[in-house]
Protein backbone atom coordinates (compact mmCIF):
# COMPACT_ATOMS: atom_id res chain seq x y z
CA UNK A 1 115.64 55.26 -2.26
CA UNK A 2 112.61 52.99 -1.74
CA UNK A 3 111.30 55.30 0.98
CA UNK A 4 111.54 58.34 -1.32
CA UNK A 5 109.71 56.45 -4.09
CA UNK A 6 106.96 55.39 -1.66
CA UNK A 7 106.63 58.96 -0.40
CA UNK A 8 106.29 60.24 -3.97
CA UNK A 9 103.61 57.68 -4.79
CA UNK A 10 101.56 58.37 -1.69
CA UNK A 11 101.62 62.12 -2.40
CA UNK A 12 100.61 61.71 -6.05
CA UNK A 13 96.89 61.59 -5.42
CA UNK A 14 94.96 64.55 -4.06
CA UNK A 15 93.03 63.91 -0.83
CA UNK A 16 89.25 63.46 -0.75
CA UNK A 17 86.42 64.75 1.36
CA UNK A 18 83.51 62.28 1.37
CA UNK A 19 80.02 63.24 2.50
CA UNK A 20 77.15 60.84 3.22
CA UNK A 21 73.49 61.21 2.30
CA UNK A 22 70.22 61.66 4.15
CA UNK A 23 69.77 59.44 7.22
CA UNK A 24 73.28 58.09 6.78
CA UNK A 25 76.66 58.67 8.41
CA UNK A 26 80.39 58.76 7.79
CA UNK A 27 80.44 54.97 7.57
CA UNK A 28 78.84 55.27 4.13
CA UNK A 29 82.28 56.18 2.78
CA UNK A 30 83.92 53.00 4.05
CA UNK A 31 83.65 51.07 0.78
CA UNK A 32 85.18 53.94 -1.18
CA UNK A 33 88.01 54.10 1.35
CA UNK A 34 88.63 50.37 0.94
CA UNK A 35 88.60 50.72 -2.84
CA UNK A 36 91.16 53.52 -2.70
CA UNK A 37 93.39 51.47 -0.39
CA UNK A 38 93.31 48.76 -3.04
CA UNK A 39 93.66 50.81 -6.23
CA UNK A 40 94.98 54.23 -5.15
CA UNK A 41 97.31 53.28 -2.34
CA UNK A 42 98.19 56.20 -0.12
CA UNK A 43 95.30 58.43 -1.19
CA UNK A 44 93.88 60.10 1.89
CA UNK A 45 90.10 60.20 2.32
CA UNK A 46 88.29 61.95 5.14
CA UNK A 47 84.71 60.81 5.73
CA UNK A 48 82.88 63.76 7.22
CA UNK A 49 81.12 62.87 10.48
CA UNK A 50 78.69 65.78 10.27
CA UNK A 51 74.87 65.90 10.45
CA UNK A 52 74.61 62.15 10.71
CA UNK A 53 71.44 60.02 10.90
CA UNK A 54 68.46 62.07 12.19
CA UNK A 55 70.61 65.23 12.26
CA UNK A 56 70.76 65.03 8.46
CA UNK A 57 67.19 66.34 8.49
CA UNK A 58 68.53 69.72 9.63
CA UNK A 59 67.78 72.59 7.25
CA UNK A 60 70.18 72.61 4.33
CA UNK A 61 71.19 76.25 4.69
CA UNK A 62 72.31 75.46 8.23
CA UNK A 63 74.23 72.41 7.01
CA UNK A 64 76.01 74.26 4.21
CA UNK A 65 77.19 76.99 6.57
CA UNK A 66 78.39 74.60 9.27
CA UNK A 67 80.10 72.10 6.96
CA UNK A 68 81.83 74.86 4.98
CA UNK A 69 83.15 76.36 8.21
CA UNK A 70 84.53 72.96 9.25
CA UNK A 71 86.15 72.32 5.85
CA UNK A 72 87.84 75.70 5.79
CA UNK A 73 89.49 74.99 9.14
CA UNK A 74 90.70 71.59 7.97
CA UNK A 75 92.11 72.93 4.71
CA UNK A 76 93.80 75.87 6.42
CA UNK A 77 95.45 73.87 9.20
CA UNK A 78 96.35 70.56 7.49
CA UNK A 79 98.99 70.73 4.76
CA UNK A 80 97.67 67.57 3.06
CA UNK A 81 94.92 69.70 1.50
CA UNK A 82 97.01 72.62 0.32
CA UNK A 83 97.68 71.35 -3.22
CA UNK A 84 93.97 70.83 -3.82
CA UNK A 85 91.44 68.09 -3.17
CA UNK A 86 88.39 66.21 -4.40
CA UNK A 87 84.87 66.03 -3.03
CA UNK A 88 82.95 62.76 -3.45
CA UNK A 89 79.45 63.10 -2.11
CA UNK A 90 76.33 60.95 -2.17
CA UNK A 91 72.61 61.70 -2.38
CA UNK A 92 71.63 64.71 -0.24
CA UNK A 93 75.34 65.06 0.49
CA UNK A 94 75.99 65.48 -3.23
CA UNK A 95 73.66 68.47 -3.33
CA UNK A 96 75.26 69.87 -0.19
CA UNK A 97 78.76 69.56 -1.64
CA UNK A 98 77.72 71.33 -4.83
CA UNK A 99 76.26 74.20 -2.79
CA UNK A 100 79.28 74.31 -0.48
CA UNK A 101 81.44 74.65 -3.58
CA UNK A 102 79.35 77.60 -4.74
CA UNK A 103 79.70 79.35 -1.37
CA UNK A 104 83.47 78.70 -1.03
CA UNK A 105 85.55 81.55 -2.40
CA UNK A 106 89.06 80.65 -3.60
CA UNK A 107 88.51 76.94 -3.04
CA UNK A 108 90.97 74.37 -4.35
CA UNK A 109 88.48 71.74 -5.45
CA UNK A 110 89.77 69.62 -8.29
CA UNK A 111 86.99 67.07 -8.88
CA UNK A 112 83.49 67.60 -7.53
CA UNK A 113 81.80 64.20 -7.83
CA UNK A 114 78.03 64.17 -7.30
CA UNK A 115 76.67 60.66 -6.82
CA UNK A 116 72.88 60.50 -7.24
CA UNK A 117 72.35 63.99 -5.91
CA UNK A 118 68.97 65.76 -6.27
CA UNK A 119 70.43 68.83 -7.95
CA UNK A 120 67.07 70.09 -9.22
CA UNK A 121 65.05 68.87 -6.24
CA UNK A 122 62.66 65.98 -5.65
CA UNK A 123 59.03 65.35 -6.57
CA UNK A 124 57.97 61.74 -6.24
CA UNK A 125 55.46 59.64 -4.33
CA UNK A 126 58.10 56.92 -3.92
CA UNK A 127 60.43 59.51 -2.40
CA UNK A 128 57.79 60.56 0.14
CA UNK A 129 56.95 56.95 0.95
CA UNK A 130 60.48 56.17 2.11
CA UNK A 131 60.11 58.75 4.90
CA UNK A 132 56.67 57.76 6.22
CA UNK A 133 58.17 56.80 9.57
CA UNK A 134 60.00 60.13 9.76
CA UNK A 135 56.82 62.04 8.97
CA UNK A 136 55.01 60.15 11.72
CA UNK A 137 57.06 62.16 14.22
CA UNK A 138 55.53 65.40 12.92
CA UNK A 139 51.72 65.70 13.24
CA UNK A 140 51.56 68.25 10.41
CA UNK A 141 53.13 65.73 8.02
CA UNK A 142 51.13 62.58 8.75
CA UNK A 143 48.73 63.12 5.85
CA UNK A 144 51.22 64.53 3.38
CA UNK A 145 50.89 63.53 -0.29
CA UNK A 146 52.58 64.47 -3.52
CA UNK A 147 49.66 66.82 -4.23
CA UNK A 148 49.69 68.80 -1.01
CA UNK A 149 53.36 68.66 0.00
CA UNK A 150 54.20 71.99 -1.61
CA UNK A 151 51.61 73.74 0.59
CA UNK A 152 53.10 72.24 3.72
CA UNK A 153 56.80 72.45 2.94
CA UNK A 154 56.62 76.09 1.83
CA UNK A 155 56.15 77.24 5.43
CA UNK A 156 59.07 79.26 6.81
CA UNK A 157 59.61 76.98 9.86
CA UNK A 158 59.96 73.92 7.58
CA UNK A 159 62.18 75.79 5.12
CA UNK A 160 64.54 76.89 7.87
CA UNK A 161 64.80 73.60 9.72
CA UNK A 162 63.83 70.55 7.60
CA UNK A 163 66.01 69.29 4.76
CA UNK A 164 63.25 67.32 3.00
CA UNK A 165 61.24 70.53 2.73
CA UNK A 166 64.27 72.22 1.17
CA UNK A 167 64.53 69.46 -1.43
CA UNK A 168 60.88 69.48 -2.49
CA UNK A 169 60.25 71.04 -5.92
CA UNK A 170 56.71 70.77 -7.26
CA UNK A 171 56.89 71.90 -10.87
CA UNK A 172 53.11 72.21 -11.00
CA UNK A 173 53.50 75.11 -8.58
CA UNK A 174 56.71 76.70 -9.74
CA UNK A 175 55.91 80.22 -8.63
CA UNK A 176 55.18 79.00 -5.12
CA UNK A 177 58.57 77.25 -5.18
CA UNK A 178 60.36 80.42 -6.31
CA UNK A 179 58.55 82.66 -3.85
CA UNK A 180 58.67 80.56 -0.69
CA UNK A 181 61.46 77.99 -0.80
CA UNK A 182 64.67 79.13 0.82
CA UNK A 183 67.35 76.81 -0.55
CA UNK A 184 67.22 75.49 -4.12
CA UNK A 185 65.86 78.65 -5.79
CA UNK A 186 68.87 80.50 -4.37
CA UNK A 187 71.65 78.01 -4.99
CA UNK A 188 70.29 77.37 -8.49
CA UNK A 189 70.19 81.15 -9.04
CA UNK A 190 66.55 81.02 -10.09
CA UNK A 191 65.72 84.10 -8.02
CA UNK A 192 67.71 87.31 -7.63
CA UNK A 193 69.96 87.52 -4.56
CA UNK A 194 73.22 89.13 -3.53
CA UNK A 195 75.37 85.99 -3.92
CA UNK A 196 74.44 85.13 -7.51
CA UNK A 197 77.82 85.98 -9.04
CA UNK A 198 79.69 84.20 -6.26
CA UNK A 199 77.68 81.00 -6.65
CA UNK A 200 78.26 80.91 -10.40
CA UNK A 201 81.94 81.87 -10.26
CA UNK A 202 82.88 79.31 -7.62
CA UNK A 203 81.17 76.36 -9.27
CA UNK A 204 82.74 77.23 -12.61
CA UNK A 205 86.16 77.23 -10.90
CA UNK A 206 86.31 73.48 -10.23
CA UNK A 207 88.69 71.54 -12.46
CA UNK A 208 86.09 68.81 -13.06
CA UNK A 209 82.40 68.58 -12.18
CA UNK A 210 80.99 65.06 -12.37
CA UNK A 211 77.27 64.27 -12.02
CA UNK A 212 76.18 60.62 -11.99
CA UNK A 213 72.90 58.82 -11.31
CA UNK A 214 71.04 55.66 -12.28
CA UNK A 215 68.66 55.71 -15.26
CA UNK A 216 65.39 53.92 -14.49
CA UNK A 217 63.49 54.87 -17.61
CA UNK A 218 59.84 55.77 -17.06
CA UNK A 219 60.03 54.87 -13.36
CA UNK A 220 60.84 58.09 -11.51
CA UNK A 221 62.86 56.72 -8.60
CA UNK A 222 66.39 55.32 -8.26
CA UNK A 223 65.90 54.10 -4.69
CA UNK A 224 66.77 57.42 -3.09
CA UNK A 225 66.04 60.27 -5.49
CA UNK A 226 62.91 60.91 -7.50
CA UNK A 227 62.83 61.88 -10.26
CA UNK A 228 66.18 60.30 -11.01
CA UNK A 229 66.77 62.82 -13.80
CA UNK A 230 67.44 65.45 -11.13
CA UNK A 231 70.89 63.92 -10.63
CA UNK A 232 71.92 65.05 -14.12
CA UNK A 233 70.05 68.37 -14.06
CA UNK A 234 66.90 67.14 -15.81
CA UNK A 235 63.51 67.81 -14.26
CA UNK A 236 59.83 68.20 -14.88
CA UNK A 237 58.75 71.20 -16.90
CA UNK A 238 58.32 74.42 -15.01
CA UNK A 239 55.96 76.35 -17.27
CA UNK A 240 52.48 75.88 -15.86
CA UNK A 241 50.62 73.15 -17.69
CA UNK A 242 53.78 71.25 -18.69
CA UNK A 243 54.67 70.59 -15.06
CA UNK A 244 54.61 66.83 -15.52
CA UNK A 245 56.66 66.86 -18.74
CA UNK A 246 60.21 65.64 -18.18
CA UNK A 247 62.85 67.89 -19.74
CA UNK A 248 66.57 67.30 -19.98
CA UNK A 249 69.10 69.79 -18.65
CA UNK A 250 69.33 71.77 -21.91
CA UNK A 251 65.64 72.67 -21.67
CA UNK A 252 65.84 74.46 -18.33
CA UNK A 253 66.76 78.05 -17.48
CA UNK A 254 69.67 76.89 -15.36
CA UNK A 255 71.38 75.76 -18.57
CA UNK A 256 69.92 78.09 -21.17
CA UNK A 257 70.87 81.19 -19.16
CA UNK A 258 73.93 79.52 -17.61
CA UNK A 259 72.72 80.56 -14.19
CA UNK A 260 75.36 78.73 -12.13
CA UNK A 261 78.18 78.05 -14.60
CA UNK A 262 77.30 74.59 -15.93
CA UNK A 263 77.59 75.72 -19.52
CA UNK A 264 80.86 77.47 -18.76
CA UNK A 265 82.19 74.20 -17.40
CA UNK A 266 80.91 72.33 -20.43
CA UNK A 267 82.44 74.82 -22.86
CA UNK A 268 85.76 74.33 -21.10
CA UNK A 269 85.48 70.53 -21.31
CA UNK A 270 85.22 70.19 -17.53
CA UNK A 271 81.62 68.98 -17.11
CA UNK A 272 80.81 65.26 -17.10
CA UNK A 273 77.28 63.91 -16.70
CA UNK A 274 75.96 60.39 -17.11
CA UNK A 275 72.81 58.50 -16.19
CA UNK A 276 73.66 54.80 -16.16
CA UNK A 277 70.93 52.27 -16.76
CA UNK A 278 69.69 50.50 -13.61
CA UNK A 279 72.43 51.60 -11.21
CA UNK A 280 70.61 51.77 -7.89
CA UNK A 281 71.03 54.64 -5.47
CA UNK A 282 73.37 53.00 -2.99
CA UNK A 283 75.60 51.34 -5.57
CA UNK A 284 77.36 54.62 -6.35
CA UNK A 285 78.98 54.62 -2.93
CA UNK A 286 79.08 50.87 -2.12
CA UNK A 287 79.68 48.90 -5.34
CA UNK A 288 83.38 48.59 -6.21
CA UNK A 289 82.69 47.84 -9.87
CA UNK A 290 80.47 50.91 -10.27
CA UNK A 291 82.91 53.17 -8.42
CA UNK A 292 85.87 51.89 -10.45
CA UNK A 293 84.15 52.15 -13.81
CA UNK A 294 82.45 55.51 -13.48
CA UNK A 295 84.49 57.84 -11.29
CA UNK A 296 87.70 56.41 -9.85
CA UNK A 297 89.68 57.93 -12.72
CA UNK A 298 88.51 61.43 -11.77
CA UNK A 299 90.18 61.07 -8.37
CA UNK A 300 93.74 61.77 -9.51
């Protein structure tokens, strides 16, 4: 009888895929795993050991395709995933998981949890500064600044191979972004392409979509993403001379035209977004108190 009760309890929670951020690895999920062992005993979590450390700089289209292929094999061949599952993903990984969700037909994702993910892109001197040593390995990037980055990152070789270039979104040069960038304009359905309906339909199919990030007021950087508002779908204005005006998610096309299904999720009561004052970038995946308070209850 005790064994049957234990088996029931351990099968109660859906399993979790956990994906690390830029220049990180599967070990980033260790604290979440320990928390689950303490509070959700028996819940299975698989930390994805894909595109780790320097390999995380690989172009994001390449990463989405490869990770999705790997996940489909796991879900098809391992019965633990057949009832459904959660995705808990941090930083660049949070953006990747959102895009993987959009590209995954007939997925069984229950909760998609985005932890400090740059959903609208990045545009910040502080963000560039954290990768100075990385840029030193590329002669074309040694003199990069917030003012000229868009002219460098819009090159096809960078767009196909370099994740930081995929993330860059200079709202002062929105048309350049739409015309030349090969990742965010497509997954955010800002430009016409053949997968638009698929990307919207699949995101709207999740049972819960959760977007969390730290709120640092007028300072544009949470320690990993800048501007921090990008984690909850806010961003600088994208209408020419208002490029430096911060707008919340309701003021952007992605919401107003419901380009990828966010409003559909909200109308159904399945969209949750919160920017929490002074929660630093790494705390979302390493601080037990933060994890417990803000998203443990979504991992049912």
